[in-house]
């Protein structure tokens, strides 16, 4: 269970790093948008969203709480 949690955290970090790279390619500076990089950025964002959802679902399952309760705890 702990190892699964660690793997999920690492997956979120990796997906976030990839998204950061694709975002930098999409918006290389405040005055430029590289539309050729848009599809890659959208795919990276979707992958990051899936990784975050998997981690959230794991936390909720392990601790027997809802996503709403988890969000409330995170904001406390």
C-alpha atoms as a PDB file:
ATOM      1  CA  UNK A   1       0.000   0.000   0.000  1.00  0.00           C
ATOM      2  CA  UNK A   2       2.796   2.448   0.896  1.00  0.00           C
ATOM      3  CA  UNK A   3       4.735   1.483  -2.206  1.00  0.00           C
ATOM      4  CA  UNK A   4       1.655   2.047  -4.362  1.00  0.00           C
ATOM      5  CA  UNK A   5       1.254   5.509  -2.863  1.00  0.00           C
ATOM      6  CA  UNK A   6       4.882   6.349  -3.561  1.00  0.00           C
ATOM      7  CA  UNK A   7       4.567   5.137  -7.140  1.00  0.00           C
ATOM      8  CA  UNK A   8       1.479   7.271  -7.645  1.00  0.00           C
ATOM      9  CA  UNK A   9       3.217  10.342  -6.206  1.00  0.00           C
ATOM     10  CA  UNK A  10       6.161   9.746  -8.532  1.00  0.00           C
ATOM     11  CA  UNK A  11       3.768   9.395 -11.468  1.00  0.00           C
ATOM     12  CA  UNK A  12       2.206  12.771 -10.620  1.00  0.00           C
ATOM     13  CA  UNK A  13       5.642  14.382 -10.366  1.00  0.00           C
ATOM     14  CA  UNK A  14       6.736  12.911 -13.688  1.00  0.00           C
ATOM     15  CA  UNK A  15       3.512  13.970 -15.402  1.00  0.00           C
ATOM     16  CA  UNK A  16       3.831  17.475 -13.953  1.00  0.00           C
ATOM     17  CA  UNK A  17       7.411  17.731 -15.200  1.00  0.00           C
ATOM     18  CA  UNK A  18       6.336  16.657 -18.680  1.00  0.00           C
ATOM     19  CA  UNK A  19       3.475  19.139 -18.609  1.00  0.00           C
ATOM     20  CA  UNK A  20       5.861  21.886 -17.549  1.00  0.00           C
ATOM     21  CA  UNK A  21       8.085  21.116 -20.548  1.00  0.00           C
ATOM     22  CA  UNK A  22       5.189  21.108 -22.986  1.00  0.00           C
ATOM     23  CA  UNK A  23       3.826  24.331 -21.475  1.00  0.00           C
ATOM     24  CA  UNK A  24       7.219  25.975 -21.937  1.00  0.00           C
ATOM     25  CA  UNK A  25       7.165  24.858 -25.573  1.00  0.00           C
ATOM     26  CA  UNK A  26       3.630  26.224 -26.020  1.00  0.00           C
ATOM     27  CA  UNK A  27       4.357  29.541 -24.291  1.00  0.00           C
ATOM     28  CA  UNK A  28       8.100  30.136 -24.597  1.00  0.00           C
ATOM     29  CA  UNK A  29       7.834  33.761 -23.483  1.00  0.00           C
ATOM     30  CA  UNK A  30       5.074  36.167 -22.395  1.00  0.00           C
ATOM     31  CA  UNK A  31       4.577  37.387 -25.959  1.00  0.00           C
ATOM     32  CA  UNK A  32       4.636  34.132 -27.938  1.00  0.00           C
ATOM     33  CA  UNK A  33       2.315  31.167 -28.349  1.00  0.00           C
ATOM     34  CA  UNK A  34       3.640  28.220 -30.352  1.00  0.00           C
ATOM     35  CA  UNK A  35       0.476  26.645 -31.701  1.00  0.00           C
ATOM     36  CA  UNK A  36       2.472  23.714 -33.077  1.00  0.00           C
ATOM     37  CA  UNK A  37       3.013  22.610 -29.460  1.00  0.00           C
ATOM     38  CA  UNK A  38      -0.656  22.805 -28.468  1.00  0.00           C
ATOM     39  CA  UNK A  39      -1.541  19.133 -29.009  1.00  0.00           C
ATOM     40  CA  UNK A  40       1.460  17.943 -26.991  1.00  0.00           C
ATOM     41  CA  UNK A  41       0.571  20.306 -24.151  1.00  0.00           C
ATOM     42  CA  UNK A  42      -3.040  19.128 -24.120  1.00  0.00           C
ATOM     43  CA  UNK A  43      -1.933  15.481 -24.007  1.00  0.00           C
ATOM     44  CA  UNK A  44       0.512  16.205 -21.180  1.00  0.00           C
ATOM     45  CA  UNK A  45      -2.156  18.073 -19.223  1.00  0.00           C
ATOM     46  CA  UNK A  46      -4.579  15.166 -19.647  1.00  0.00           C
ATOM     47  CA  UNK A  47      -1.920  12.685 -18.500  1.00  0.00           C
ATOM     48  CA  UNK A  48      -1.198  14.836 -15.436  1.00  0.00           C
ATOM     49  CA  UNK A  49      -4.916  15.006 -14.667  1.00  0.00           C
ATOM     50  CA  UNK A  50      -5.185  11.200 -14.847  1.00  0.00           C
ATOM     51  CA  UNK A  51      -2.147  10.766 -12.588  1.00  0.00           C
ATOM     52  CA  UNK A  52      -3.572  13.183 -10.019  1.00  0.00           C
ATOM     53  CA  UNK A  53      -6.944  11.413 -10.103  1.00  0.00           C
ATOM     54  CA  UNK A  54      -5.272   8.031  -9.533  1.00  0.00           C
ATOM     55  CA  UNK A  55      -3.404   9.417  -6.517  1.00  0.00           C
ATOM     56  CA  UNK A  56      -6.539  11.069  -5.149  1.00  0.00           C
ATOM     57  CA  UNK A  57      -8.544   7.867  -5.566  1.00  0.00           C
ATOM     58  CA  UNK A  58      -5.820   5.860  -3.826  1.00  0.00           C
ATOM     59  CA  UNK A  59      -5.705   8.255  -0.858  1.00  0.00           C
ATOM     60  CA  UNK A  60      -9.485   8.224  -0.544  1.00  0.00           C
ATOM     61  CA  UNK A  61      -9.610   4.432  -0.703  1.00  0.00           C
ATOM     62  CA  UNK A  62      -6.816   3.935   1.840  1.00  0.00           C
ATOM     63  CA  UNK A  63      -8.262   6.385   4.345  1.00  0.00           C
ATOM     64  CA  UNK A  64     -11.926   5.743   3.645  1.00  0.00           C
ATOM     65  CA  UNK A  65     -12.746   9.350   2.858  1.00  0.00           C
ATOM     66  CA  UNK A  66     -14.438  11.109  -0.010  1.00  0.00           C
ATOM     67  CA  UNK A  67     -12.727  13.436  -2.442  1.00  0.00           C
ATOM     68  CA  UNK A  68     -14.656  16.284  -0.823  1.00  0.00           C
ATOM     69  CA  UNK A  69     -13.283  15.349   2.605  1.00  0.00           C
ATOM     70  CA  UNK A  70      -9.775  15.127   1.178  1.00  0.00           C
ATOM     71  CA  UNK A  71     -10.135  18.579  -0.371  1.00  0.00           C
ATOM     72  CA  UNK A  72     -11.380  19.964   2.912  1.00  0.00           C
ATOM     73  CA  UNK A  73      -8.384  18.488   4.728  1.00  0.00           C
ATOM     74  CA  UNK A  74      -6.011  19.912   2.124  1.00  0.00           C
ATOM     75  CA  UNK A  75      -7.450  23.378   2.606  1.00  0.00           C
ATOM     76  CA  UNK A  76      -7.352  23.257   6.402  1.00  0.00           C
END
